[in-house]
Amino acid sequence: MSAYDPAQMRADCAEVGRNLRLERAARKAASEPSPSLHFEDFPRDLPKREIKISDAAARLAGALHLHLD
């Protein structure tokens, strides 16, 4: 049997699937309802993070003629 024997590759894939618990995850996903797509079901609005530009980055951008505002 060579390293690329299809039967051995299939057995390897099946073993990986068992180790990753894909079958259990698939059953769980199939048995649970899908998540809502409606905004009112997720009412919180998260603020965007503020990006801070250090003096060193601003000097480097200036030397490269980039404009960081």
N, C-alpha and C. Protein backbone atom coordinates (compact mmCIF):
# COMPACT_ATOMS: atom_id res chain seq x y z
N MET A 1 0.85 -1.17 0.00
CA MET A 1 0.00 0.00 0.00
C MET A 1 0.90 1.24 0.00
N SER A 2 0.72 2.15 -0.98
CA SER A 2 1.54 3.35 -1.07
C SER A 2 0.98 4.44 -0.15
N ALA A 3 1.74 5.52 -0.01
CA ALA A 3 1.32 6.62 0.84
C ALA A 3 0.09 7.32 0.29
N TYR A 4 -0.17 7.18 -1.00
CA TYR A 4 -1.30 7.85 -1.63
C TYR A 4 -2.42 6.90 -1.99
N ASP A 5 -2.52 5.81 -1.30
CA ASP A 5 -3.57 4.83 -1.53
C ASP A 5 -4.92 5.47 -1.16
N PRO A 6 -5.89 5.48 -2.08
CA PRO A 6 -7.19 6.13 -1.79
C PRO A 6 -7.88 5.58 -0.56
N ALA A 7 -7.80 4.30 -0.33
CA ALA A 7 -8.45 3.72 0.84
C ALA A 7 -7.83 4.26 2.13
N GLN A 8 -6.51 4.37 2.15
CA GLN A 8 -5.84 4.89 3.34
C GLN A 8 -6.15 6.38 3.52
N MET A 9 -6.18 7.14 2.42
CA MET A 9 -6.51 8.56 2.53
C MET A 9 -7.92 8.75 3.04
N ARG A 10 -8.87 7.90 2.59
CA ARG A 10 -10.25 7.99 3.06
C ARG A 10 -10.30 7.67 4.55
N ALA A 11 -9.60 6.65 4.98
CA ALA A 11 -9.56 6.29 6.40
C ALA A 11 -8.96 7.42 7.23
N ASP A 12 -7.91 8.05 6.71
CA ASP A 12 -7.31 9.19 7.42
C ASP A 12 -8.30 10.32 7.56
N CYS A 13 -9.04 10.62 6.48
CA CYS A 13 -10.02 11.71 6.53
C CYS A 13 -11.14 11.39 7.52
N ALA A 14 -11.59 10.15 7.54
CA ALA A 14 -12.64 9.76 8.48
C ALA A 14 -12.15 9.91 9.91
N GLU A 15 -10.92 9.54 10.16
CA GLU A 15 -10.36 9.68 11.52
C GLU A 15 -10.24 11.13 11.92
N VAL A 16 -9.82 11.97 11.00
CA VAL A 16 -9.74 13.41 11.29
C VAL A 16 -11.13 13.94 11.61
N GLY A 17 -12.13 13.54 10.82
CA GLY A 17 -13.49 13.97 11.09
C GLY A 17 -13.97 13.57 12.48
N ARG A 18 -13.65 12.37 12.88
CA ARG A 18 -14.04 11.93 14.23
C ARG A 18 -13.31 12.74 15.29
N ASN A 19 -12.05 13.02 15.07
CA ASN A 19 -11.28 13.79 16.05
C ASN A 19 -11.73 15.23 16.13
N LEU A 20 -12.21 15.78 15.02
CA LEU A 20 -12.68 17.17 15.04
C LEU A 20 -14.13 17.28 15.50
N ARG A 21 -14.77 16.16 15.67
CA ARG A 21 -16.16 16.10 16.13
C ARG A 21 -17.09 16.81 15.13
N LEU A 22 -16.82 16.64 13.84
CA LEU A 22 -17.62 17.29 12.82
C LEU A 22 -19.04 16.75 12.79
N GLU A 23 -19.19 15.47 13.01
CA GLU A 23 -20.53 14.89 12.98
C GLU A 23 -21.40 15.47 14.09
N ARG A 24 -20.82 15.62 15.27
CA ARG A 24 -21.58 16.18 16.39
C ARG A 24 -21.92 17.64 16.12
N ALA A 25 -20.98 18.39 15.56
CA ALA A 25 -21.24 19.79 15.24
C ALA A 25 -22.32 19.91 14.17
N ALA A 26 -22.30 19.03 13.18
CA ALA A 26 -23.31 19.06 12.13
C ALA A 26 -24.70 18.74 12.69
N ARG A 27 -24.78 17.75 13.58
CA ARG A 27 -26.08 17.43 14.20
C ARG A 27 -26.58 18.60 15.03
N LYS A 28 -25.69 19.24 15.77
CA LYS A 28 -26.09 20.37 16.60
C LYS A 28 -26.58 21.52 15.73
N ALA A 29 -25.87 21.81 14.64
CA ALA A 29 -26.26 22.90 13.75
C ALA A 29 -27.60 22.60 13.08
N ALA A 30 -27.84 21.34 12.76
CA ALA A 30 -29.08 20.97 12.10
C ALA A 30 -30.27 21.00 13.05
N SER A 31 -30.05 20.81 14.34
CA SER A 31 -31.15 20.74 15.29
C SER A 31 -31.49 22.10 15.90
N GLU A 32 -30.62 23.07 15.79
CA GLU A 32 -30.88 24.40 16.35
C GLU A 32 -31.47 25.31 15.29
N PRO A 33 -32.33 26.25 15.69
CA PRO A 33 -32.86 27.18 14.70
C PRO A 33 -31.76 28.13 14.22
N SER A 34 -31.93 28.63 13.03
CA SER A 34 -30.94 29.55 12.50
C SER A 34 -31.03 30.88 13.24
N PRO A 35 -29.93 31.63 13.32
CA PRO A 35 -29.97 32.91 14.02
C PRO A 35 -30.81 33.93 13.25
N SER A 36 -31.34 34.86 13.98
CA SER A 36 -32.19 35.89 13.38
C SER A 36 -31.37 36.86 12.54
N LEU A 37 -32.00 37.37 11.50
CA LEU A 37 -31.37 38.39 10.67
C LEU A 37 -31.97 39.77 10.93
N HIS A 38 -32.89 39.86 11.89
CA HIS A 38 -33.57 41.12 12.17
C HIS A 38 -32.77 41.96 13.16
N PHE A 39 -32.64 43.25 12.87
CA PHE A 39 -31.87 44.16 13.70
C PHE A 39 -32.44 44.24 15.12
N GLU A 40 -33.75 44.24 15.23
CA GLU A 40 -34.37 44.40 16.56
C GLU A 40 -34.06 43.23 17.49
N ASP A 41 -33.61 42.12 16.95
CA ASP A 41 -33.21 40.99 17.79
C ASP A 41 -31.81 41.19 18.38
N PHE A 42 -31.07 42.14 17.86
CA PHE A 42 -29.73 42.48 18.35
C PHE A 42 -29.66 43.99 18.49
N PRO A 43 -30.32 44.55 19.51
CA PRO A 43 -30.50 46.00 19.56
C PRO A 43 -29.27 46.83 19.91
N ARG A 44 -28.22 46.24 20.37
CA ARG A 44 -27.10 47.06 20.80
C ARG A 44 -26.25 47.51 19.60
N ASP A 45 -25.79 48.71 19.69
CA ASP A 45 -24.95 49.26 18.65
C ASP A 45 -23.58 49.53 19.27
N LEU A 46 -22.57 48.85 18.80
CA LEU A 46 -21.24 48.98 19.38
C LEU A 46 -20.50 50.14 18.72
N PRO A 47 -19.87 50.99 19.53
CA PRO A 47 -19.10 52.08 18.94
C PRO A 47 -17.85 51.55 18.25
N LYS A 48 -17.44 52.26 17.25
CA LYS A 48 -16.22 51.87 16.54
C LYS A 48 -15.01 52.29 17.36
N ARG A 49 -13.96 51.49 17.25
CA ARG A 49 -12.74 51.81 17.98
C ARG A 49 -12.08 53.03 17.37
N GLU A 50 -11.43 53.78 18.22
CA GLU A 50 -10.70 54.95 17.74
C GLU A 50 -9.29 54.53 17.37
N ILE A 51 -8.83 54.98 16.23
CA ILE A 51 -7.48 54.66 15.78
C ILE A 51 -6.57 55.81 16.18
N LYS A 52 -5.55 55.49 16.91
CA LYS A 52 -4.59 56.51 17.34
C LYS A 52 -3.33 56.38 16.49
N ILE A 53 -2.87 57.50 15.98
CA ILE A 53 -1.67 57.52 15.15
C ILE A 53 -0.55 58.13 15.97
N SER A 54 0.50 57.36 16.20
CA SER A 54 1.61 57.84 17.01
C SER A 54 2.40 58.90 16.24
N ASP A 55 3.18 59.66 16.98
CA ASP A 55 4.02 60.68 16.34
C ASP A 55 5.01 60.04 15.37
N ALA A 56 5.55 58.89 15.75
CA ALA A 56 6.51 58.21 14.88
C ALA A 56 5.84 57.79 13.57
N ALA A 57 4.61 57.27 13.65
CA ALA A 57 3.89 56.87 12.43
C ALA A 57 3.58 58.08 11.57
N ALA A 58 3.22 59.19 12.21
CA ALA A 58 2.93 60.40 11.46
C ALA A 58 4.18 60.93 10.75
N ARG A 59 5.34 60.89 11.43
CA ARG A 59 6.60 61.31 10.79
C ARG A 59 6.95 60.41 9.62
N LEU A 60 6.78 59.11 9.80
CA LEU A 60 7.06 58.16 8.73
C LEU A 60 6.12 58.39 7.55
N ALA A 61 4.84 58.61 7.83
CA ALA A 61 3.88 58.88 6.76
C ALA A 61 4.22 60.17 6.04
N GLY A 62 4.66 61.17 6.81
CA GLY A 62 5.06 62.43 6.18
C GLY A 62 6.26 62.25 5.28
N ALA A 63 7.20 61.43 5.70
CA ALA A 63 8.38 61.17 4.88
C ALA A 63 8.01 60.42 3.62
N LEU A 64 6.96 59.61 3.67
CA LEU A 64 6.50 58.87 2.50
C LEU A 64 5.43 59.63 1.71
N HIS A 65 5.14 60.84 2.16
CA HIS A 65 4.13 61.71 1.54
C HIS A 65 2.74 61.08 1.61
N LEU A 66 2.45 60.40 2.72
CA LEU A 66 1.12 59.89 2.98
C LEU A 66 0.40 60.89 3.88
N HIS A 67 -0.90 60.91 3.83
CA HIS A 67 -1.65 61.85 4.67
C HIS A 67 -2.51 61.07 5.64
N LEU A 68 -2.12 61.06 6.90
CA LEU A 68 -2.88 60.40 7.96
C LEU A 68 -3.60 61.46 8.77
N ASP A 69 -4.90 61.53 8.62
CA ASP A 69 -5.69 62.54 9.35
C ASP A 69 -6.52 61.88 10.41
